[in-house]
Amino acid sequence: MPHIVIEYSDNLPEAPDFRALFAELHGALVGLGDVKLNDIKSRAIKLSDWYVGDGAASHAFVHVKLHLINRRTVEFKRRAVAAMQTVVAAHFARALAERQCQLCFETIDIDGETYAKTVSPQL
């Protein structure tokens, strides 16, 4: 924990370099404190079935979801979103310039009482 899930429209003008983006996002979250690098898991989902506004082909979007154990404060979540906005905007600068692109961010609380994971032993 945390988990970063990025959903994005398939019409972005550039092919996203998600390895670089994830590395920067992980660093930004660790920089906030109280986040361990090896606990962060990220993935991206390219969407081919989507519709924004009036359906114009010029619309595009990147939606970033940050899943956190529900013990995080609102202030922490705000700082996390602000840090992610800076990183994501830099990675999608061309989409912002060439499309009617929306970068959206949300935090999602995960119930810490019921969240579970199994981690393999160190090899």
C-alpha atoms as a PDB file:
ATOM      1  CA  MET A   1       0.000   0.000   0.000  1.00  0.00           C
ATOM      2  CA  PRO A   2      -0.407   2.565  -1.536  1.00  0.00           C
ATOM      3  CA  HIS A   3      -1.659   1.559  -4.968  1.00  0.00           C
ATOM      4  CA  ILE A   4      -1.619   3.876  -7.980  1.00  0.00           C
ATOM      5  CA  VAL A   5      -4.008   3.041 -10.810  1.00  0.00           C
ATOM      6  CA  ILE A   6      -3.905   5.168 -13.956  1.00  0.00           C
ATOM      7  CA  GLU A   7      -6.681   4.905 -16.518  1.00  0.00           C
ATOM      8  CA  TYR A   8      -6.125   6.784 -19.762  1.00  0.00           C
ATOM      9  CA  SER A   9      -7.808   7.293 -23.107  1.00  0.00           C
ATOM     10  CA  ASP A  10      -6.253   5.573 -26.085  1.00  0.00           C
ATOM     11  CA  ASN A  11      -5.941   8.791 -28.106  1.00  0.00           C
ATOM     12  CA  LEU A  12      -3.084  10.478 -26.275  1.00  0.00           C
ATOM     13  CA  PRO A  13      -0.630  11.997 -28.769  1.00  0.00           C
ATOM     14  CA  GLU A  14       2.392  10.400 -27.106  1.00  0.00           C
ATOM     15  CA  ALA A  15       3.075   6.857 -25.961  1.00  0.00           C
ATOM     16  CA  PRO A  16       3.364   7.144 -22.178  1.00  0.00           C
ATOM     17  CA  ASP A  17       6.596   5.953 -20.570  1.00  0.00           C
ATOM     18  CA  PHE A  18       4.934   4.399 -17.563  1.00  0.00           C
ATOM     19  CA  ARG A  19       8.111   2.973 -16.036  1.00  0.00           C
ATOM     20  CA  ALA A  20       9.564   6.479 -15.802  1.00  0.00           C
ATOM     21  CA  LEU A  21       6.246   7.940 -14.643  1.00  0.00           C
ATOM     22  CA  PHE A  22       5.815   5.295 -11.946  1.00  0.00           C
ATOM     23  CA  ALA A  23       9.388   5.771 -10.730  1.00  0.00           C
ATOM     24  CA  GLU A  24       8.763   9.510 -10.322  1.00  0.00           C
ATOM     25  CA  LEU A  25       5.386   8.999  -8.659  1.00  0.00           C
ATOM     26  CA  HIS A  26       6.888   6.489  -6.230  1.00  0.00           C
ATOM     27  CA  GLY A  27       9.652   8.952  -5.382  1.00  0.00           C
ATOM     28  CA  ALA A  28       7.136  11.742  -4.849  1.00  0.00           C
ATOM     29  CA  LEU A  29       5.094   9.626  -2.437  1.00  0.00           C
ATOM     30  CA  VAL A  30       8.155   8.468  -0.511  1.00  0.00           C
ATOM     31  CA  GLY A  31       9.204  12.117  -0.269  1.00  0.00           C
ATOM     32  CA  LEU A  32       6.015  12.873   1.660  1.00  0.00           C
ATOM     33  CA  GLY A  33       7.198  10.646   4.503  1.00  0.00           C
ATOM     34  CA  ASP A  34       5.627   7.571   6.094  1.00  0.00           C
ATOM     35  CA  VAL A  35       5.559   5.685   2.777  1.00  0.00           C
ATOM     36  CA  LYS A  36       7.899   2.778   2.063  1.00  0.00           C
ATOM     37  CA  LEU A  37       9.094   2.492  -1.531  1.00  0.00           C
ATOM     38  CA  ASN A  38       8.617  -1.273  -1.760  1.00  0.00           C
ATOM     39  CA  ASP A  39       5.015  -1.004  -0.561  1.00  0.00           C
ATOM     40  CA  ILE A  40       3.906   1.088  -3.562  1.00  0.00           C
ATOM     41  CA  LYS A  41       2.311  -0.777  -6.456  1.00  0.00           C
ATOM     42  CA  SER A  42       1.387   0.937  -9.726  1.00  0.00           C
ATOM     43  CA  ARG A  43      -0.341  -0.007 -12.935  1.00  0.00           C
ATOM     44  CA  ALA A  44      -1.842   1.643 -15.989  1.00  0.00           C
ATOM     45  CA  ILE A  45      -4.948   0.701 -17.915  1.00  0.00           C
ATOM     46  CA  LYS A  46      -5.419   1.909 -21.486  1.00  0.00           C
ATOM     47  CA  LEU A  47      -9.086   2.462 -22.306  1.00  0.00           C
ATOM     48  CA  SER A  48     -10.441   2.086 -25.823  1.00  0.00           C
ATOM     49  CA  ASP A  49     -14.120   2.457 -24.873  1.00  0.00           C
ATOM     50  CA  TRP A  50     -14.665   5.936 -23.464  1.00  0.00           C
ATOM     51  CA  TYR A  51     -16.604   9.114 -24.147  1.00  0.00           C
ATOM     52  CA  VAL A  52     -15.873  12.631 -22.860  1.00  0.00           C
ATOM     53  CA  GLY A  53     -18.247  15.595 -23.097  1.00  0.00           C
ATOM     54  CA  ASP A  54     -19.659  15.880 -26.610  1.00  0.00           C
ATOM     55  CA  GLY A  55     -17.607  12.918 -27.853  1.00  0.00           C
ATOM     56  CA  ALA A  56     -15.181  15.004 -29.918  1.00  0.00           C
ATOM     57  CA  ALA A  57     -12.039  13.147 -30.939  1.00  0.00           C
ATOM     58  CA  SER A  58      -9.956  15.991 -29.502  1.00  0.00           C
ATOM     59  CA  HIS A  59     -10.920  15.052 -25.937  1.00  0.00           C
ATOM     60  CA  ALA A  60      -8.528  12.908 -23.912  1.00  0.00           C
ATOM     61  CA  PHE A  61      -8.003  12.073 -20.270  1.00  0.00           C
ATOM     62  CA  VAL A  62      -5.704  10.585 -17.670  1.00  0.00           C
ATOM     63  CA  HIS A  63      -7.388   9.567 -14.415  1.00  0.00           C
ATOM     64  CA  VAL A  64      -5.104   8.777 -11.473  1.00  0.00           C
ATOM     65  CA  LYS A  65      -6.448   6.887  -8.469  1.00  0.00           C
ATOM     66  CA  LEU A  66      -4.395   6.680  -5.298  1.00  0.00           C
ATOM     67  CA  HIS A  67      -5.554   3.918  -2.974  1.00  0.00           C
ATOM     68  CA  LEU A  68      -4.473   4.434   0.637  1.00  0.00           C
ATOM     69  CA  ILE A  69      -5.159   2.756   3.969  1.00  0.00           C
ATOM     70  CA  ASN A  70      -7.855   4.857   5.610  1.00  0.00           C
ATOM     71  CA  ARG A  71      -5.622   6.095   8.434  1.00  0.00           C
ATOM     72  CA  ARG A  72      -4.187   8.848   6.186  1.00  0.00           C
ATOM     73  CA  THR A  73      -5.137  12.428   6.986  1.00  0.00           C
ATOM     74  CA  VAL A  74      -6.861  14.748   4.537  1.00  0.00           C
ATOM     75  CA  GLU A  75      -3.730  16.919   4.587  1.00  0.00           C
ATOM     76  CA  PHE A  76      -1.548  13.949   3.577  1.00  0.00           C
ATOM     77  CA  LYS A  77      -3.957  13.122   0.745  1.00  0.00           C
ATOM     78  CA  ARG A  78      -3.918  16.728  -0.484  1.00  0.00           C
ATOM     79  CA  ARG A  79      -0.124  16.787  -0.505  1.00  0.00           C
ATOM     80  CA  ALA A  80      -0.021  13.438  -2.301  1.00  0.00           C
ATOM     81  CA  VAL A  81      -2.427  14.644  -4.995  1.00  0.00           C
ATOM     82  CA  ALA A  82      -0.488  17.894  -5.455  1.00  0.00           C
ATOM     83  CA  ALA A  83       2.781  15.973  -5.828  1.00  0.00           C
ATOM     84  CA  MET A  84       1.213  13.561  -8.314  1.00  0.00           C
ATOM     85  CA  GLN A  85      -0.343  16.415 -10.333  1.00  0.00           C
ATOM     86  CA  THR A  86       3.073  17.964 -10.878  1.00  0.00           C
ATOM     87  CA  VAL A  87       4.631  14.683 -12.020  1.00  0.00           C
ATOM     88  CA  VAL A  88       1.744  13.579 -14.231  1.00  0.00           C
ATOM     89  CA  ALA A  89       1.358  16.997 -15.889  1.00  0.00           C
ATOM     90  CA  ALA A  90       5.026  16.915 -16.899  1.00  0.00           C
ATOM     91  CA  HIS A  91       4.653  13.436 -18.416  1.00  0.00           C
ATOM     92  CA  PHE A  92       1.531  14.391 -20.363  1.00  0.00           C
ATOM     93  CA  ALA A  93       2.554  17.904 -21.418  1.00  0.00           C
ATOM     94  CA  ARG A  94       2.045  17.108 -25.085  1.00  0.00           C
ATOM     95  CA  ALA A  95      -1.485  15.800 -24.474  1.00  0.00           C
ATOM     96  CA  LEU A  96      -2.289  18.957 -22.518  1.00  0.00           C
ATOM     97  CA  ALA A  97      -0.977  21.087 -25.394  1.00  0.00           C
ATOM     98  CA  GLU A  98      -2.491  19.162 -28.325  1.00  0.00           C
ATOM     99  CA  ARG A  99      -5.776  17.812 -26.963  1.00  0.00           C
ATOM    100  CA  GLN A 100      -8.598  18.938 -24.728  1.00  0.00           C
ATOM    101  CA  CYS A 101      -7.027  16.756 -22.078  1.00  0.00           C
ATOM    102  CA  GLN A 102      -8.203  16.354 -18.511  1.00  0.00           C
ATOM    103  CA  LEU A 103      -5.858  15.127 -15.800  1.00  0.00           C
ATOM    104  CA  CYS A 104      -7.983  13.918 -12.892  1.00  0.00           C
ATOM    105  CA  PHE A 105      -6.899  12.708  -9.467  1.00  0.00           C
ATOM    106  CA  GLU A 106      -8.710  11.023  -6.621  1.00  0.00           C
ATOM    107  CA  THR A 107      -7.825   9.278  -3.405  1.00  0.00           C
ATOM    108  CA  ILE A 108      -9.618   6.122  -2.360  1.00  0.00           C
ATOM    109  CA  ASP A 109      -9.648   4.870   1.213  1.00  0.00           C
ATOM    110  CA  ILE A 110      -9.013   1.181   1.790  1.00  0.00           C
ATOM    111  CA  ASP A 111     -10.319  -0.297   5.022  1.00  0.00           C
ATOM    112  CA  GLY A 112      -7.210  -0.988   7.085  1.00  0.00           C
ATOM    113  CA  GLU A 113      -9.167  -3.411   9.247  1.00  0.00           C
ATOM    114  CA  THR A 114      -9.811  -5.803   6.360  1.00  0.00           C
ATOM    115  CA  TYR A 115      -6.978  -5.145   3.874  1.00  0.00           C
ATOM    116  CA  ALA A 116      -4.612  -8.104   3.643  1.00  0.00           C
ATOM    117  CA  LYS A 117      -1.613  -9.100   1.579  1.00  0.00           C
ATOM    118  CA  THR A 118       0.899 -11.911   1.433  1.00  0.00           C
ATOM    119  CA  VAL A 119       4.513 -11.084   0.647  1.00  0.00           C
ATOM    120  CA  SER A 120       6.985 -13.690  -0.567  1.00  0.00           C
ATOM    121  CA  PRO A 121      10.123 -14.153   1.522  1.00  0.00           C
ATOM    122  CA  GLN A 122      13.276 -12.291   0.540  1.00  0.00           C
ATOM    123  CA  LEU A 123      15.329 -14.305  -1.945  1.00  0.00           C
END
